[in-house]
Protein backbone atom coordinates (compact mmCIF):
# COMPACT_ATOMS: atom_id res chain seq x y z
CA MET A 1 18.23 -45.15 -74.33
CA THR A 2 16.95 -43.24 -76.66
CA PHE A 3 19.88 -41.48 -77.76
CA ASN A 4 22.62 -44.69 -77.26
CA ASN A 5 23.82 -44.66 -80.94
CA VAL A 6 23.80 -40.81 -81.92
CA PRO A 7 26.78 -38.37 -82.60
CA SER A 8 27.81 -36.76 -79.50
CA PRO A 9 25.82 -33.56 -79.55
CA TYR A 10 23.08 -35.72 -78.79
CA HIS A 11 23.49 -37.37 -75.77
CA VAL A 12 21.39 -37.19 -72.65
CA SER A 13 22.89 -35.92 -69.60
CA LYS A 14 21.70 -38.64 -67.03
CA PRO A 15 22.54 -36.50 -63.97
CA LEU A 16 20.73 -33.56 -65.40
CA VAL A 17 17.61 -35.25 -66.19
CA LEU A 18 17.64 -36.78 -62.35
CA SER A 19 18.38 -33.37 -60.94
CA VAL A 20 15.60 -31.56 -62.92
CA ALA A 21 13.45 -34.29 -61.87
CA LEU A 22 14.18 -34.01 -58.41
CA GLY A 23 14.08 -30.56 -58.20
CA LEU A 24 10.23 -30.29 -59.67
CA GLY A 25 9.49 -33.03 -57.47
CA LEU A 26 10.72 -31.17 -54.43
CA VAL A 27 8.69 -28.22 -55.83
CA TRP A 28 5.56 -30.19 -56.23
CA ALA A 29 6.04 -31.63 -52.72
CA PHE A 30 6.45 -28.43 -50.93
CA ALA A 31 3.49 -26.61 -52.70
CA ILE A 32 1.32 -29.74 -51.95
CA GLY A 33 2.27 -29.48 -48.64
CA LYS A 34 1.28 -25.70 -48.01
CA ALA A 35 -2.02 -26.27 -50.00
CA VAL A 36 -2.85 -29.13 -47.40
CA GLN A 37 -1.60 -26.69 -44.39
CA VAL A 38 -4.05 -24.26 -45.40
CA ARG A 39 -6.85 -26.24 -46.16
CA ARG A 40 -6.70 -27.34 -42.39
CA ARG A 41 -6.80 -23.80 -40.92
CA PRO A 42 -10.08 -22.40 -39.28
CA VAL A 43 -12.09 -20.15 -41.28
CA THR A 44 -10.81 -16.54 -40.28
CA VAL A 45 -13.38 -14.38 -42.28
CA GLY A 46 -17.28 -13.86 -42.72
CA ALA A 47 -20.39 -12.78 -40.87
CA HIS A 48 -19.49 -14.86 -37.56
CA THR A 49 -16.47 -13.03 -37.18
CA LEU A 50 -18.34 -9.81 -36.77
CA VAL A 51 -20.64 -10.78 -34.05
CA GLY A 52 -19.54 -9.34 -30.89
CA ALA A 53 -16.96 -7.06 -32.28
CA ARG A 54 -16.57 -3.73 -30.89
CA GLY A 55 -16.34 -0.84 -33.33
CA GLU A 56 -16.63 3.23 -33.12
CA VAL A 57 -19.73 5.28 -34.57
CA ARG A 58 -17.53 7.72 -36.89
CA HIS A 59 -20.32 9.18 -38.66
CA GLU A 60 -24.33 8.82 -38.23
CA GLY A 61 -24.84 5.65 -39.07
CA LEU A 62 -21.19 4.44 -39.98
CA VAL A 63 -18.98 2.17 -37.84
CA PHE A 64 -15.66 1.77 -37.78
CA LEU A 65 -14.78 -2.04 -37.04
CA ASN A 66 -11.84 -4.16 -37.79
CA GLY A 67 -10.38 -0.99 -40.06
CA GLU A 68 -13.44 -0.91 -42.35
CA LEU A 69 -16.67 1.51 -41.80
CA TRP A 70 -19.96 -0.31 -41.66
CA GLN A 71 -23.53 0.82 -42.23
CA ALA A 72 -25.13 0.15 -38.92
CA ARG A 73 -28.39 0.95 -36.68
CA ALA A 74 -29.07 0.55 -32.97
CA ALA A 75 -30.86 -2.66 -32.18
CA ASP A 76 -33.35 -0.29 -29.78
CA GLY A 77 -33.57 2.29 -32.32
CA ALA A 78 -31.65 5.09 -30.66
CA PRO A 79 -29.68 7.07 -32.84
CA LEU A 80 -25.99 7.00 -33.07
CA GLN A 81 -23.72 9.34 -31.83
CA PRO A 82 -20.03 9.70 -33.29
CA GLY A 83 -17.47 8.21 -30.70
CA GLN A 84 -19.62 6.24 -29.09
CA SER A 85 -18.48 2.65 -28.43
CA VAL A 86 -20.97 -0.14 -29.87
CA ARG A 87 -20.94 -4.00 -30.04
CA VAL A 88 -21.85 -5.87 -33.26
CA GLU A 89 -25.56 -8.08 -32.52
CA ARG A 90 -25.89 -9.38 -35.77
CA LEU A 91 -25.46 -8.70 -39.51
CA ASP A 92 -28.47 -8.11 -41.61
CA GLY A 93 -27.29 -7.85 -44.93
CA LEU A 94 -24.55 -5.47 -45.47
CA THR A 95 -25.94 -3.54 -42.20
CA LEU A 96 -24.60 -4.08 -38.58
CA GLN A 97 -27.31 -4.17 -35.92
CA VAL A 98 -25.14 -2.78 -32.80
CA HIS A 99 -25.97 -1.98 -29.46
CA HIS A 100 -24.54 0.48 -27.29
CA ASP A 101 -21.37 -0.66 -25.58
CA ARG A 102 -19.93 0.50 -22.10
CA GLU A 103 -16.66 0.01 -22.43
CA PRO A 104 -14.29 2.19 -24.66
CA VAL A 105 -13.16 0.65 -28.11
CA GLY A 106 -9.57 0.70 -27.13
CA SER A 107 -9.60 -1.24 -23.62
CA ALA A 108 -9.32 -4.96 -23.83
């Protein structure tokens, strides 16, 4: 090895080197395994997740949906009344196009 013929304070501990290499290898294997696992998951965010979702009108033109307030307008042009349950038809930029829902928001 590199330090075989040097005085005693400069000797390399083989068990220490192997332990550190093994530990780092396990950390990398775990991290790469988790990264592959995350890449295989289906997409859970985006416009396609909003279409069909139900929300509640909070103010004129604002709908509470998935914990967020969104600008909204009715597909038929009717005014949105606070407390009214609506369902998302499509997303137009950052504005939801909604239609009136017959079921209340809390029911499933």
